[in-house]
Amino acid sequence: MADQPQTTLETDFPLIVQRIAQRAVAAGGRALLVGGCVRDALLGLPARDLAVEAYSIPSDRLRTMLGAMALDWVDTVGASFEILKARFGEWAVDISIPRCRL
């Protein structure tokens, strides 16, 4: 069986997403794009709704990290779980931390 060629998804996600991912790695975690922006990229459409899931970073540390990034604003929403909403220029990004229910 022949080896399948490797494919990569290249798209022009805004710089803010790259910065969040780099800061997450520097803080010992990782950040992944999730949701509609991934779907849109796979369909060849421009990204609109940016959502990032941050792993292995406590919410207070994530909030501090985002606050140090010179974002236009960071706000917390969600009664039962935290979603941080950050804005940088024209881009709004939802950042969440995965949770498990026991």
PDB file of N, CA and C in Angstrom:
ATOM      1  N   MET A   1       0.828  -1.162   0.000  1.00  0.00           N
ATOM      2  CA  MET A   1       0.000   0.000   0.000  1.00  0.00           C
ATOM      3  C   MET A   1       0.887   1.245   0.000  1.00  0.00           C
ATOM      4  N   ALA A   2       0.587   2.169  -0.873  1.00  0.00           N
ATOM      5  CA  ALA A   2       1.396   3.383  -0.996  1.00  0.00           C
ATOM      6  C   ALA A   2       1.147   4.314   0.181  1.00  0.00           C
ATOM      7  N   ASP A   3       2.193   5.030   0.556  1.00  0.00           N
ATOM      8  CA  ASP A   3       2.039   6.012   1.629  1.00  0.00           C
ATOM      9  C   ASP A   3       1.120   7.136   1.172  1.00  0.00           C
ATOM     10  N   GLN A   4       0.255   7.535   2.071  1.00  0.00           N
ATOM     11  CA  GLN A   4      -0.632   8.652   1.781  1.00  0.00           C
ATOM     12  C   GLN A   4       0.159   9.952   1.936  1.00  0.00           C
ATOM     13  N   PRO A   5      -0.028  10.903   1.039  1.00  0.00           N
ATOM     14  CA  PRO A   5       0.675  12.176   1.201  1.00  0.00           C
ATOM     15  C   PRO A   5       0.137  12.914   2.417  1.00  0.00           C
ATOM     16  N   GLN A   6       1.028  13.591   3.113  1.00  0.00           N
ATOM     17  CA  GLN A   6       0.607  14.386   4.256  1.00  0.00           C
ATOM     18  C   GLN A   6      -0.018  15.662   3.758  1.00  0.00           C
ATOM     19  N   THR A   7      -1.116  16.045   4.358  1.00  0.00           N
ATOM     20  CA  THR A   7      -1.748  17.303   3.993  1.00  0.00           C
ATOM     21  C   THR A   7      -1.771  18.198   5.215  1.00  0.00           C
ATOM     22  N   THR A   8      -1.711  19.469   4.975  1.00  0.00           N
ATOM     23  CA  THR A   8      -1.811  20.439   6.054  1.00  0.00           C
ATOM     24  C   THR A   8      -2.867  21.456   5.676  1.00  0.00           C
ATOM     25  N   LEU A   9      -3.492  22.013   6.660  1.00  0.00           N
ATOM     26  CA  LEU A   9      -4.482  23.048   6.451  1.00  0.00           C
ATOM     27  C   LEU A   9      -3.801  24.380   6.683  1.00  0.00           C
ATOM     28  N   GLU A  10      -3.652  25.145   5.635  1.00  0.00           N
ATOM     29  CA  GLU A  10      -3.044  26.457   5.768  1.00  0.00           C
ATOM     30  C   GLU A  10      -4.122  27.505   5.574  1.00  0.00           C
ATOM     31  N   THR A  11      -4.197  28.399   6.509  1.00  0.00           N
ATOM     32  CA  THR A  11      -5.181  29.465   6.432  1.00  0.00           C
ATOM     33  C   THR A  11      -4.611  30.694   7.114  1.00  0.00           C
ATOM     34  N   ASP A  12      -5.233  31.793   6.923  1.00  0.00           N
ATOM     35  CA  ASP A  12      -4.759  33.042   7.503  1.00  0.00           C
ATOM     36  C   ASP A  12      -5.530  33.379   8.767  1.00  0.00           C
ATOM     37  N   PHE A  13      -5.290  32.605   9.820  1.00  0.00           N
ATOM     38  CA  PHE A  13      -5.904  32.946  11.086  1.00  0.00           C
ATOM     39  C   PHE A  13      -5.215  34.192  11.616  1.00  0.00           C
ATOM     40  N   PRO A  14      -5.952  35.031  12.306  1.00  0.00           N
ATOM     41  CA  PRO A  14      -5.362  36.286  12.769  1.00  0.00           C
ATOM     42  C   PRO A  14      -4.212  36.068  13.751  1.00  0.00           C
ATOM     43  N   LEU A  15      -3.350  37.046  13.800  1.00  0.00           N
ATOM     44  CA  LEU A  15      -2.172  37.008  14.658  1.00  0.00           C
ATOM     45  C   LEU A  15      -2.539  36.767  16.121  1.00  0.00           C
ATOM     46  N   ILE A  16      -3.671  37.264  16.558  1.00  0.00           N
ATOM     47  CA  ILE A  16      -4.057  37.108  17.960  1.00  0.00           C
ATOM     48  C   ILE A  16      -4.153  35.635  18.348  1.00  0.00           C
ATOM     49  N   VAL A  17      -4.635  34.790  17.446  1.00  0.00           N
ATOM     50  CA  VAL A  17      -4.748  33.359  17.734  1.00  0.00           C
ATOM     51  C   VAL A  17      -3.353  32.755  17.892  1.00  0.00           C
ATOM     52  N   GLN A  18      -2.439  33.135  17.038  1.00  0.00           N
ATOM     53  CA  GLN A  18      -1.063  32.647  17.142  1.00  0.00           C
ATOM     54  C   GLN A  18      -0.429  33.108  18.451  1.00  0.00           C
ATOM     55  N   ARG A  19      -0.685  34.340  18.841  1.00  0.00           N
ATOM     56  CA  ARG A  19      -0.120  34.863  20.088  1.00  0.00           C
ATOM     57  C   ARG A  19      -0.675  34.126  21.302  1.00  0.00           C
ATOM     58  N   ILE A  20      -1.973  33.846  21.295  1.00  0.00           N
ATOM     59  CA  ILE A  20      -2.569  33.102  22.410  1.00  0.00           C
ATOM     60  C   ILE A  20      -1.942  31.714  22.498  1.00  0.00           C
ATOM     61  N   ALA A  21      -1.783  31.045  21.368  1.00  0.00           N
ATOM     62  CA  ALA A  21      -1.186  29.705  21.346  1.00  0.00           C
ATOM     63  C   ALA A  21       0.250  29.733  21.848  1.00  0.00           C
ATOM     64  N   GLN A  22       1.030  30.716  21.420  1.00  0.00           N
ATOM     65  CA  GLN A  22       2.423  30.822  21.864  1.00  0.00           C
ATOM     66  C   GLN A  22       2.515  31.069  23.365  1.00  0.00           C
ATOM     67  N   ARG A  23       1.658  31.932  23.879  1.00  0.00           N
ATOM     68  CA  ARG A  23       1.659  32.215  25.316  1.00  0.00           C
ATOM     69  C   ARG A  23       1.221  30.986  26.112  1.00  0.00           C
ATOM     70  N   ALA A  24       0.259  30.237  25.575  1.00  0.00           N
ATOM     71  CA  ALA A  24      -0.203  29.024  26.269  1.00  0.00           C
ATOM     72  C   ALA A  24       0.933  28.018  26.391  1.00  0.00           C
ATOM     73  N   VAL A  25       1.688  27.827  25.324  1.00  0.00           N
ATOM     74  CA  VAL A  25       2.824  26.903  25.350  1.00  0.00           C
ATOM     75  C   VAL A  25       3.877  27.395  26.350  1.00  0.00           C
ATOM     76  N   ALA A  26       4.147  28.697  26.339  1.00  0.00           N
ATOM     77  CA  ALA A  26       5.129  29.258  27.273  1.00  0.00           C
ATOM     78  C   ALA A  26       4.686  29.077  28.724  1.00  0.00           C
ATOM     79  N   ALA A  27       3.369  29.006  28.954  1.00  0.00           N
ATOM     80  CA  ALA A  27       2.835  28.819  30.306  1.00  0.00           C
ATOM     81  C   ALA A  27       2.712  27.346  30.673  1.00  0.00           C
ATOM     82  N   GLY A  28       3.186  26.461  29.801  1.00  0.00           N
ATOM     83  CA  GLY A  28       3.149  25.038  30.094  1.00  0.00           C
ATOM     84  C   GLY A  28       1.892  24.329  29.620  1.00  0.00           C
ATOM     85  N   GLY A  29       1.086  24.998  28.822  1.00  0.00           N
ATOM     86  CA  GLY A  29      -0.149  24.395  28.318  1.00  0.00           C
ATOM     87  C   GLY A  29      -0.145  24.307  26.801  1.00  0.00           C
ATOM     88  N   ARG A  30      -1.330  24.289  26.261  1.00  0.00           N
ATOM     89  CA  ARG A  30      -1.486  24.327  24.809  1.00  0.00           C
ATOM     90  C   ARG A  30      -2.844  24.921  24.493  1.00  0.00           C
ATOM     91  N   ALA A  31      -2.984  25.451  23.307  1.00  0.00           N
ATOM     92  CA  ALA A  31      -4.240  26.057  22.884  1.00  0.00           C
ATOM     93  C   ALA A  31      -4.581  25.535  21.493  1.00  0.00           C
ATOM     94  N   LEU A  32      -5.830  25.127  21.337  1.00  0.00           N
ATOM     95  CA  LEU A  32      -6.284  24.583  20.060  1.00  0.00           C
ATOM     96  C   LEU A  32      -7.474  25.372  19.552  1.00  0.00           C
ATOM     97  N   LEU A  33      -7.484  25.626  18.258  1.00  0.00           N
ATOM     98  CA  LEU A  33      -8.668  26.221  17.644  1.00  0.00           C
ATOM     99  C   LEU A  33      -9.770  25.185  17.638  1.00  0.00           C
ATOM    100  N   VAL A  34     -10.987  25.613  17.920  1.00  0.00           N
ATOM    101  CA  VAL A  34     -12.129  24.703  17.950  1.00  0.00           C
ATOM    102  C   VAL A  34     -13.337  25.394  17.321  1.00  0.00           C
ATOM    103  N   GLY A  35     -14.339  24.615  17.021  1.00  0.00           N
ATOM    104  CA  GLY A  35     -15.626  25.165  16.610  1.00  0.00           C
ATOM    105  C   GLY A  35     -15.709  25.651  15.175  1.00  0.00           C
ATOM    106  N   GLY A  36     -16.515  26.694  15.010  1.00  0.00           N
ATOM    107  CA  GLY A  36     -16.858  27.195  13.683  1.00  0.00           C
ATOM    108  C   GLY A  36     -15.681  27.666  12.848  1.00  0.00           C
ATOM    109  N   CYS A  37     -14.638  28.213  13.472  1.00  0.00           N
ATOM    110  CA  CYS A  37     -13.498  28.684  12.682  1.00  0.00           C
ATOM    111  C   CYS A  37     -12.768  27.523  12.015  1.00  0.00           C
ATOM    112  N   VAL A  38     -12.741  26.375  12.680  1.00  0.00           N
ATOM    113  CA  VAL A  38     -12.116  25.184  12.089  1.00  0.00           C
ATOM    114  C   VAL A  38     -12.965  24.684  10.929  1.00  0.00           C
ATOM    115  N   ARG A  39     -14.272  24.614  11.142  1.00  0.00           N
ATOM    116  CA  ARG A  39     -15.193  24.206  10.077  1.00  0.00           C
ATOM    117  C   ARG A  39     -15.041  25.117   8.862  1.00  0.00           C
ATOM    118  N   ASP A  40     -15.058  26.436   9.103  1.00  0.00           N
ATOM    119  CA  ASP A  40     -14.949  27.391   8.003  1.00  0.00           C
ATOM    120  C   ASP A  40     -13.637  27.220   7.241  1.00  0.00           C
ATOM    121  N   ALA A  41     -12.544  27.013   7.976  1.00  0.00           N
ATOM    122  CA  ALA A  41     -11.243  26.821   7.322  1.00  0.00           C
ATOM    123  C   ALA A  41     -11.253  25.573   6.455  1.00  0.00           C
ATOM    124  N   LEU A  42     -11.858  24.498   6.951  1.00  0.00           N
ATOM    125  CA  LEU A  42     -11.929  23.259   6.169  1.00  0.00           C
ATOM    126  C   LEU A  42     -12.768  23.435   4.905  1.00  0.00           C
ATOM    127  N   LEU A  43     -13.736  24.331   4.967  1.00  0.00           N
ATOM    128  CA  LEU A  43     -14.586  24.608   3.811  1.00  0.00           C
ATOM    129  C   LEU A  43     -14.007  25.692   2.908  1.00  0.00           C
ATOM    130  N   GLY A  44     -12.845  26.222   3.287  1.00  0.00           N
ATOM    131  CA  GLY A  44     -12.216  27.263   2.483  1.00  0.00           C
ATOM    132  C   GLY A  44     -12.848  28.633   2.667  1.00  0.00           C
ATOM    133  N   LEU A  45     -13.570  28.819   3.758  1.00  0.00           N
ATOM    134  CA  LEU A  45     -14.231  30.089   4.047  1.00  0.00           C
ATOM    135  C   LEU A  45     -13.390  30.903   5.022  1.00  0.00           C
ATOM    136  N   PRO A  46     -13.548  32.212   5.018  1.00  0.00           N
ATOM    137  CA  PRO A  46     -12.792  33.013   5.990  1.00  0.00           C
ATOM    138  C   PRO A  46     -13.288  32.746   7.410  1.00  0.00           C
ATOM    139  N   ALA A  47     -12.368  32.779   8.345  1.00  0.00           N
ATOM    140  CA  ALA A  47     -12.716  32.554   9.750  1.00  0.00           C
ATOM    141  C   ALA A  47     -13.533  33.732  10.252  1.00  0.00           C
ATOM    142  N   ARG A  48     -14.585  33.419  11.004  1.00  0.00           N
ATOM    143  CA  ARG A  48     -15.415  34.477  11.585  1.00  0.00           C
ATOM    144  C   ARG A  48     -15.461  34.343  13.095  1.00  0.00           C
ATOM    145  N   ASP A  49     -15.959  33.237  13.570  1.00  0.00           N
ATOM    146  CA  ASP A  49     -16.105  33.009  15.009  1.00  0.00           C
ATOM    147  C   ASP A  49     -14.880  32.277  15.528  1.00  0.00           C
ATOM    148  N   LEU A  50     -13.989  32.999  16.165  1.00  0.00           N
ATOM    149  CA  LEU A  50     -12.756  32.392  16.657  1.00  0.00           C
ATOM    150  C   LEU A  50     -12.968  31.849  18.059  1.00  0.00           C
ATOM    151  N   ALA A  51     -12.636  30.580  18.242  1.00  0.00           N
ATOM    152  CA  ALA A  51     -12.748  29.941  19.549  1.00  0.00           C
ATOM    153  C   ALA A  51     -11.492  29.114  19.798  1.00  0.00           C
ATOM    154  N   VAL A  52     -10.967  29.233  20.998  1.00  0.00           N
ATOM    155  CA  VAL A  52      -9.746  28.537  21.396  1.00  0.00           C
ATOM    156  C   VAL A  52     -10.034  27.788  22.687  1.00  0.00           C
ATOM    157  N   GLU A  53      -9.543  26.563  22.771  1.00  0.00           N
ATOM    158  CA  GLU A  53      -9.624  25.819  24.022  1.00  0.00           C
ATOM    159  C   GLU A  53      -8.209  25.721  24.574  1.00  0.00           C
ATOM    160  N   ALA A  54      -8.036  26.156  25.818  1.00  0.00           N
ATOM    161  CA  ALA A  54      -6.719  26.178  26.454  1.00  0.00           C
ATOM    162  C   ALA A  54      -6.624  25.026  27.448  1.00  0.00           C
ATOM    163  N   TYR A  55      -5.610  24.206  27.292  1.00  0.00           N
ATOM    164  CA  TYR A  55      -5.413  23.021  28.127  1.00  0.00           C
ATOM    165  C   TYR A  55      -4.267  23.245  29.096  1.00  0.00           C
ATOM    166  N   SER A  56      -4.401  22.679  30.285  1.00  0.00           N
ATOM    167  CA  SER A  56      -3.343  22.648  31.309  1.00  0.00           C
ATOM    168  C   SER A  56      -2.952  24.027  31.822  1.00  0.00           C
ATOM    169  N   ILE A  57      -3.896  24.964  31.785  1.00  0.00           N
ATOM    170  CA  ILE A  57      -3.659  26.294  32.339  1.00  0.00           C
ATOM    171  C   ILE A  57      -4.857  26.639  33.224  1.00  0.00           C
ATOM    172  N   PRO A  58      -4.645  26.858  34.515  1.00  0.00           N
ATOM    173  CA  PRO A  58      -5.753  27.237  35.389  1.00  0.00           C
ATOM    174  C   PRO A  58      -6.389  28.555  34.928  1.00  0.00           C
ATOM    175  N   SER A  59      -7.672  28.725  35.179  1.00  0.00           N
ATOM    176  CA  SER A  59      -8.390  29.889  34.655  1.00  0.00           C
ATOM    177  C   SER A  59      -7.809  31.215  35.143  1.00  0.00           C
ATOM    178  N   ASP A  60      -7.368  31.291  36.405  1.00  0.00           N
ATOM    179  CA  ASP A  60      -6.797  32.547  36.884  1.00  0.00           C
ATOM    180  C   ASP A  60      -5.490  32.866  36.173  1.00  0.00           C
ATOM    181  N   ARG A  61      -4.701  31.849  35.910  1.00  0.00           N
ATOM    182  CA  ARG A  61      -3.438  32.055  35.180  1.00  0.00           C
ATOM    183  C   ARG A  61      -3.704  32.428  33.718  1.00  0.00           C
ATOM    184  N   LEU A  62      -4.721  31.817  33.129  1.00  0.00           N
ATOM    185  CA  LEU A  62      -5.093  32.140  31.750  1.00  0.00           C
ATOM    186  C   LEU A  62      -5.543  33.595  31.653  1.00  0.00           C
ATOM    187  N   ARG A  63      -6.350  34.026  32.611  1.00  0.00           N
ATOM    188  CA  ARG A  63      -6.826  35.408  32.621  1.00  0.00           C
ATOM    189  C   ARG A  63      -5.647  36.383  32.748  1.00  0.00           C
ATOM    190  N   THR A  64      -4.703  36.083  33.625  1.00  0.00           N
ATOM    191  CA  THR A  64      -3.513  36.923  33.789  1.00  0.00           C
ATOM    192  C   THR A  64      -2.703  36.958  32.497  1.00  0.00           C
ATOM    193  N   MET A  65      -2.542  35.790  31.867  1.00  0.00           N
ATOM    194  CA  MET A  65      -1.795  35.698  30.615  1.00  0.00           C
ATOM    195  C   MET A  65      -2.440  36.572  29.537  1.00  0.00           C
ATOM    196  N   LEU A  66      -3.760  36.479  29.420  1.00  0.00           N
ATOM    197  CA  LEU A  66      -4.460  37.272  28.416  1.00  0.00           C
ATOM    198  C   LEU A  66      -4.383  38.763  28.746  1.00  0.00           C
ATOM    199  N   GLY A  67      -4.477  39.087  30.033  1.00  0.00           N
ATOM    200  CA  GLY A  67      -4.399  40.480  30.452  1.00  0.00           C
ATOM    201  C   GLY A  67      -3.064  41.122  30.122  1.00  0.00           C
ATOM    202  N   ALA A  68      -2.003  40.324  30.066  1.00  0.00           N
ATOM    203  CA  ALA A  68      -0.659  40.837  29.776  1.00  0.00           C
ATOM    204  C   ALA A  68      -0.391  40.968  28.277  1.00  0.00           C
ATOM    205  N   MET A  69      -1.366  40.626  27.446  1.00  0.00           N
ATOM    206  CA  MET A  69      -1.147  40.613  25.994  1.00  0.00           C
ATOM    207  C   MET A  69      -1.556  41.905  25.293  1.00  0.00           C
ATOM    208  N   ALA A  70      -1.873  42.937  26.037  1.00  0.00           N
ATOM    209  CA  ALA A  70      -2.285  44.211  25.455  1.00  0.00           C
ATOM    210  C   ALA A  70      -3.500  44.052  24.541  1.00  0.00           C
ATOM    211  N   LEU A  71      -4.433  43.233  24.992  1.00  0.00           N
ATOM    212  CA  LEU A  71      -5.685  43.081  24.265  1.00  0.00           C
ATOM    213  C   LEU A  71      -6.545  44.308  24.531  1.00  0.00           C
ATOM    214  N   ASP A  72      -7.492  44.558  23.653  1.00  0.00           N
ATOM    215  CA  ASP A  72      -8.383  45.692  23.861  1.00  0.00           C
ATOM    216  C   ASP A  72      -9.249  45.470  25.091  1.00  0.00           C
ATOM    217  N   TRP A  73      -9.688  44.245  25.325  1.00  0.00           N
ATOM    218  CA  TRP A  73     -10.411  43.898  26.543  1.00  0.00           C
ATOM    219  C   TRP A  73     -10.501  42.395  26.704  1.00  0.00           C
ATOM    220  N   VAL A  74     -10.688  41.977  27.956  1.00  0.00           N
ATOM    221  CA  VAL A  74     -10.928  40.576  28.296  1.00  0.00           C
ATOM    222  C   VAL A  74     -12.092  40.581  29.280  1.00  0.00           C
ATOM    223  N   ASP A  75     -13.087  39.746  29.024  1.00  0.00           N
ATOM    224  CA  ASP A  75     -14.256  39.678  29.884  1.00  0.00           C
ATOM    225  C   ASP A  75     -14.570  38.214  30.161  1.00  0.00           C
ATOM    226  N   THR A  76     -15.165  37.934  31.306  1.00  0.00           N
ATOM    227  CA  THR A  76     -15.545  36.571  31.668  1.00  0.00           C
ATOM    228  C   THR A  76     -17.056  36.439  31.573  1.00  0.00           C
ATOM    229  N   VAL A  77     -17.510  35.369  30.918  1.00  0.00           N
ATOM    230  CA  VAL A  77     -18.944  35.093  30.820  1.00  0.00           C
ATOM    231  C   VAL A  77     -19.191  33.642  31.201  1.00  0.00           C
ATOM    232  N   GLY A  78     -20.432  33.317  31.477  1.00  0.00           N
ATOM    233  CA  GLY A  78     -20.796  31.942  31.815  1.00  0.00           C
ATOM    234  C   GLY A  78     -20.977  31.777  33.308  1.00  0.00           C
ATOM    235  N   ALA A  79     -22.151  31.335  33.702  1.00  0.00           N
ATOM    236  CA  ALA A  79     -22.437  31.172  35.119  1.00  0.00           C
ATOM    237  C   ALA A  79     -21.848  29.880  35.673  1.00  0.00           C
ATOM    238  N   SER A  80     -21.973  28.775  34.945  1.00  0.00           N
ATOM    239  CA  SER A  80     -21.520  27.495  35.487  1.00  0.00           C
ATOM    240  C   SER A  80     -20.092  27.145  35.071  1.00  0.00           C
ATOM    241  N   PHE A  81     -19.579  27.803  34.059  1.00  0.00           N
ATOM    242  CA  PHE A  81     -18.190  27.601  33.656  1.00  0.00           C
ATOM    243  C   PHE A  81     -17.706  28.876  32.996  1.00  0.00           C
ATOM    244  N   GLU A  82     -16.404  29.087  33.051  1.00  0.00           N
ATOM    245  CA  GLU A  82     -15.831  30.328  32.551  1.00  0.00           C
ATOM    246  C   GLU A  82     -15.489  30.255  31.084  1.00  0.00           C
ATOM    247  N   ILE A  83     -15.884  31.267  30.354  1.00  0.00           N
ATOM    248  CA  ILE A  83     -15.385  31.496  29.001  1.00  0.00           C
ATOM    249  C   ILE A  83     -14.844  32.917  29.014  1.00  0.00           C
ATOM    250  N   LEU A  84     -13.605  33.051  28.600  1.00  0.00           N
ATOM    251  CA  LEU A  84     -13.008  34.381  28.510  1.00  0.00           C
ATOM    252  C   LEU A  84     -13.220  34.892  27.097  1.00  0.00           C
ATOM    253  N   LYS A  85     -13.708  36.097  26.992  1.00  0.00           N
ATOM    254  CA  LYS A  85     -13.889  36.735  25.697  1.00  0.00           C
ATOM    255  C   LYS A  85     -12.828  37.810  25.595  1.00  0.00           C
ATOM    256  N   ALA A  86     -12.020  37.740  24.562  1.00  0.00           N
ATOM    257  CA  ALA A  86     -10.953  38.714  24.368  1.00  0.00           C
ATOM    258  C   ALA A  86     -11.137  39.409  23.029  1.00  0.00           C
ATOM    259  N   ARG A  87     -10.791  40.663  22.972  1.00  0.00           N
ATOM    260  CA  ARG A  87     -10.864  41.405  21.718  1.00  0.00           C
ATOM    261  C   ARG A  87      -9.504  42.023  21.439  1.00  0.00           C
ATOM    262  N   PHE A  88      -9.118  41.920  20.177  1.00  0.00           N
ATOM    263  CA  PHE A  88      -7.890  42.529  19.704  1.00  0.00           C
ATOM    264  C   PHE A  88      -8.195  43.114  18.331  1.00  0.00           C
ATOM    265  N   GLY A  89      -8.308  44.418  18.272  1.00  0.00           N
ATOM    266  CA  GLY A  89      -8.687  45.047  17.004  1.00  0.00           C
ATOM    267  C   GLY A  89     -10.079  44.597  16.593  1.00  0.00           C
ATOM    268  N   GLU A  90     -10.197  44.138  15.370  1.00  0.00           N
ATOM    269  CA  GLU A  90     -11.503  43.709  14.855  1.00  0.00           C
ATOM    270  C   GLU A  90     -11.866  42.281  15.263  1.00  0.00           C
ATOM    271  N   TRP A  91     -10.934  41.552  15.885  1.00  0.00           N
ATOM    272  CA  TRP A  91     -11.162  40.142  16.195  1.00  0.00           C
ATOM    273  C   TRP A  91     -11.604  39.926  17.629  1.00  0.00           C
ATOM    274  N   ALA A  92     -12.631  39.123  17.797  1.00  0.00           N
ATOM    275  CA  ALA A  92     -13.062  38.665  19.115  1.00  0.00           C
ATOM    276  C   ALA A  92     -12.781  37.171  19.189  1.00  0.00           C
ATOM    277  N   VAL A  93     -12.253  36.728  20.307  1.00  0.00           N
ATOM    278  CA  VAL A  93     -11.893  35.327  20.486  1.00  0.00           C
ATOM    279  C   VAL A  93     -12.507  34.830  21.789  1.00  0.00           C
ATOM    280  N   ASP A  94     -13.181  33.682  21.744  1.00  0.00           N
ATOM    281  CA  ASP A  94     -13.677  33.014  22.944  1.00  0.00           C
ATOM    282  C   ASP A  94     -12.628  31.994  23.370  1.00  0.00           C
ATOM    283  N   ILE A  95     -12.189  32.074  24.619  1.00  0.00           N
ATOM    284  CA  ILE A  95     -11.187  31.140  25.130  1.00  0.00           C
ATOM    285  C   ILE A  95     -11.812  30.383  26.293  1.00  0.00           C
ATOM    286  N   SER A  96     -11.797  29.068  26.192  1.00  0.00           N
ATOM    287  CA  SER A  96     -12.385  28.244  27.253  1.00  0.00           C
ATOM    288  C   SER A  96     -11.376  27.215  27.730  1.00  0.00           C
ATOM    289  N   ILE A  97     -11.670  26.674  28.900  1.00  0.00           N
ATOM    290  CA  ILE A  97     -10.868  25.599  29.475  1.00  0.00           C
ATOM    291  C   ILE A  97     -11.740  24.368  29.504  1.00  0.00           C
ATOM    292  N   PRO A  98     -11.261  23.248  28.967  1.00  0.00           N
ATOM    293  CA  PRO A  98     -12.101  22.046  28.979  1.00  0.00           C
ATOM    294  C   PRO A  98     -12.412  21.622  30.408  1.00  0.00           C
ATOM    295  N   ARG A  99     -13.575  21.100  30.576  1.00  0.00           N
ATOM    296  CA  ARG A  99     -13.975  20.645  31.903  1.00  0.00           C
ATOM    297  C   ARG A  99     -14.548  19.246  31.783  1.00  0.00           C
ATOM    298  N   CYS A 100     -14.534  18.544  32.876  1.00  0.00           N
ATOM    299  CA  CYS A 100     -15.189  17.234  32.876  1.00  0.00           C
ATOM    300  C   CYS A 100     -16.203  17.217  33.989  1.00  0.00           C
ATOM    301  N   ARG A 101     -17.268  16.531  33.741  1.00  0.00           N
ATOM    302  CA  ARG A 101     -18.326  16.402  34.740  1.00  0.00           C
ATOM    303  C   ARG A 101     -18.251  15.018  35.333  1.00  0.00           C
ATOM    304  N   LEU A 102     -18.276  14.969  36.634  1.00  0.00           N
ATOM    305  CA  LEU A 102     -18.216  13.681  37.315  1.00  0.00           C
ATOM    306  C   LEU A 102     -19.582  13.262  37.786  1.00  0.00           C
TER     307      LEU A 102
END
